[in-house]
C-alpha atoms as a PDB file:
ATOM      1  CA  UNK A   1     186.891 -54.256  36.861  1.00  0.00           C
ATOM      2  CA  UNK A   2     183.694 -53.537  39.095  1.00  0.00           C
ATOM      3  CA  UNK A   3     182.302 -50.159  38.556  1.00  0.00           C
ATOM      4  CA  UNK A   4     180.051 -48.325  40.601  1.00  0.00           C
ATOM      5  CA  UNK A   5     176.762 -45.776  38.908  1.00  0.00           C
ATOM      6  CA  UNK A   6     175.029 -44.134  41.143  1.00  0.00           C
ATOM      7  CA  UNK A   7     171.969 -41.347  41.707  1.00  0.00           C
ATOM      8  CA  UNK A   8     170.125 -43.778  39.586  1.00  0.00           C
ATOM      9  CA  UNK A   9     165.964 -43.036  39.139  1.00  0.00           C
ATOM     10  CA  UNK A  10     163.520 -45.694  40.523  1.00  0.00           C
ATOM     11  CA  UNK A  11     162.822 -46.776  37.187  1.00  0.00           C
ATOM     12  CA  UNK A  12     166.409 -47.191  35.873  1.00  0.00           C
ATOM     13  CA  UNK A  13     166.448 -51.024  34.232  1.00  0.00           C
ATOM     14  CA  UNK A  14     169.285 -53.214  33.853  1.00  0.00           C
ATOM     15  CA  UNK A  15     169.082 -53.023  29.830  1.00  0.00           C
ATOM     16  CA  UNK A  16     169.647 -49.388  29.706  1.00  0.00           C
ATOM     17  CA  UNK A  17     172.982 -49.647  31.569  1.00  0.00           C
ATOM     18  CA  UNK A  18     173.728 -52.204  29.565  1.00  0.00           C
ATOM     19  CA  UNK A  19     173.348 -50.578  26.676  1.00  0.00           C
ATOM     20  CA  UNK A  20     175.240 -47.944  28.027  1.00  0.00           C
ATOM     21  CA  UNK A  21     178.118 -49.458  29.063  1.00  0.00           C
ATOM     22  CA  UNK A  22     178.411 -52.084  26.079  1.00  0.00           C
ATOM     23  CA  UNK A  23     179.469 -48.870  23.845  1.00  0.00           C
ATOM     24  CA  UNK A  24     182.871 -49.489  25.900  1.00  0.00           C
ATOM     25  CA  UNK A  25     183.228 -53.363  26.076  1.00  0.00           C
ATOM     26  CA  UNK A  26     181.937 -56.547  26.925  1.00  0.00           C
ATOM     27  CA  UNK A  27     179.750 -56.147  30.058  1.00  0.00           C
ATOM     28  CA  UNK A  28     179.918 -59.436  32.438  1.00  0.00           C
ATOM     29  CA  UNK A  29     177.459 -58.726  34.982  1.00  0.00           C
ATOM     30  CA  UNK A  30     174.878 -55.485  36.037  1.00  0.00           C
ATOM     31  CA  UNK A  31     173.556 -54.935  39.473  1.00  0.00           C
ATOM     32  CA  UNK A  32     170.666 -53.316  40.601  1.00  0.00           C
ATOM     33  CA  UNK A  33     170.854 -53.008  44.407  1.00  0.00           C
ATOM     34  CA  UNK A  34     167.869 -53.331  46.043  1.00  0.00           C
ATOM     35  CA  UNK A  35     167.054 -52.934  49.723  1.00  0.00           C
ATOM     36  CA  UNK A  36     166.026 -56.360  50.584  1.00  0.00           C
ATOM     37  CA  UNK A  37     163.041 -55.329  52.992  1.00  0.00           C
ATOM     38  CA  UNK A  38     161.270 -53.349  50.503  1.00  0.00           C
ATOM     39  CA  UNK A  39     162.643 -54.030  47.134  1.00  0.00           C
ATOM     40  CA  UNK A  40     163.041 -50.875  46.522  1.00  0.00           C
ATOM     41  CA  UNK A  41     165.763 -49.449  44.216  1.00  0.00           C
ATOM     42  CA  UNK A  42     168.698 -47.989  46.807  1.00  0.00           C
ATOM     43  CA  UNK A  43     169.578 -45.580  43.538  1.00  0.00           C
ATOM     44  CA  UNK A  44     172.800 -47.734  42.696  1.00  0.00           C
ATOM     45  CA  UNK A  45     174.660 -50.420  40.804  1.00  0.00           C
ATOM     46  CA  UNK A  46     177.111 -52.090  40.172  1.00  0.00           C
ATOM     47  CA  UNK A  47     178.384 -53.247  36.913  1.00  0.00           C
ATOM     48  CA  UNK A  48     181.449 -55.329  35.940  1.00  0.00           C
ATOM     49  CA  UNK A  49     183.698 -55.274  32.978  1.00  0.00           C
ATOM     50  CA  UNK A  50     186.662 -57.787  32.259  1.00  0.00           C
ATOM     51  CA  UNK A  51     188.596 -55.812  30.522  1.00  0.00           C
ATOM     52  CA  UNK A  52     190.184 -52.620  32.815  1.00  0.00           C
ATOM     53  CA  UNK A  53     190.751 -50.170  30.173  1.00  0.00           C
ATOM     54  CA  UNK A  54     187.589 -50.299  28.616  1.00  0.00           C
ATOM     55  CA  UNK A  55     186.092 -49.859  32.116  1.00  0.00           C
ATOM     56  CA  UNK A  56     188.284 -46.507  32.810  1.00  0.00           C
ATOM     57  CA  UNK A  57     186.839 -45.470  29.700  1.00  0.00           C
ATOM     58  CA  UNK A  58     183.572 -46.006  30.318  1.00  0.00           C
ATOM     59  CA  UNK A  59     183.801 -44.264  33.753  1.00  0.00           C
ATOM     60  CA  UNK A  60     185.673 -41.369  32.282  1.00  0.00           C
ATOM     61  CA  UNK A  61     182.729 -41.040  29.445  1.00  0.00           C
ATOM     62  CA  UNK A  62     179.421 -41.957  31.487  1.00  0.00           C
ATOM     63  CA  UNK A  63     181.070 -39.747  35.130  1.00  0.00           C
ATOM     64  CA  UNK A  64     178.386 -37.018  35.414  1.00  0.00           C
ATOM     65  CA  UNK A  65     176.132 -38.245  32.554  1.00  0.00           C
ATOM     66  CA  UNK A  66     172.227 -36.836  32.507  1.00  0.00           C
ATOM     67  CA  UNK A  67     169.859 -39.322  32.450  1.00  0.00           C
ATOM     68  CA  UNK A  68     166.560 -39.122  32.916  1.00  0.00           C
ATOM     69  CA  UNK A  69     166.914 -35.861  34.808  1.00  0.00           C
ATOM     70  CA  UNK A  70     169.803 -36.998  37.306  1.00  0.00           C
ATOM     71  CA  UNK A  71     173.615 -36.415  37.125  1.00  0.00           C
ATOM     72  CA  UNK A  72     175.211 -39.938  37.183  1.00  0.00           C
ATOM     73  CA  UNK A  73     178.132 -40.682  39.751  1.00  0.00           C
ATOM     74  CA  UNK A  74     180.534 -43.332  37.988  1.00  0.00           C
ATOM     75  CA  UNK A  75     183.896 -44.231  39.647  1.00  0.00           C
ATOM     76  CA  UNK A  76     185.677 -47.382  40.259  1.00  0.00           C
ATOM     77  CA  UNK A  77     183.701 -49.384  43.025  1.00  0.00           C
ATOM     78  CA  UNK A  78     185.591 -49.824  46.290  1.00  0.00           C
ATOM     79  CA  UNK A  79     184.823 -52.825  47.964  1.00  0.00           C
END
């Protein structure tokens, strides 16, 4: 399942996302989305987890998590 993680700060690292999501299962990939022209983060990431049950557990636990001063939006990616 692909998971959308929104409201990330500009200094959020892929390694931090991996640590949070690995508590729930295998993480296949993490991609912090960046503007192709400026290279700056667009404030969200896409995380892929192969097991839908583990992915849903991560969504349920991490949605509205306060991290580095912002509240994450975590949901199944819809694209």
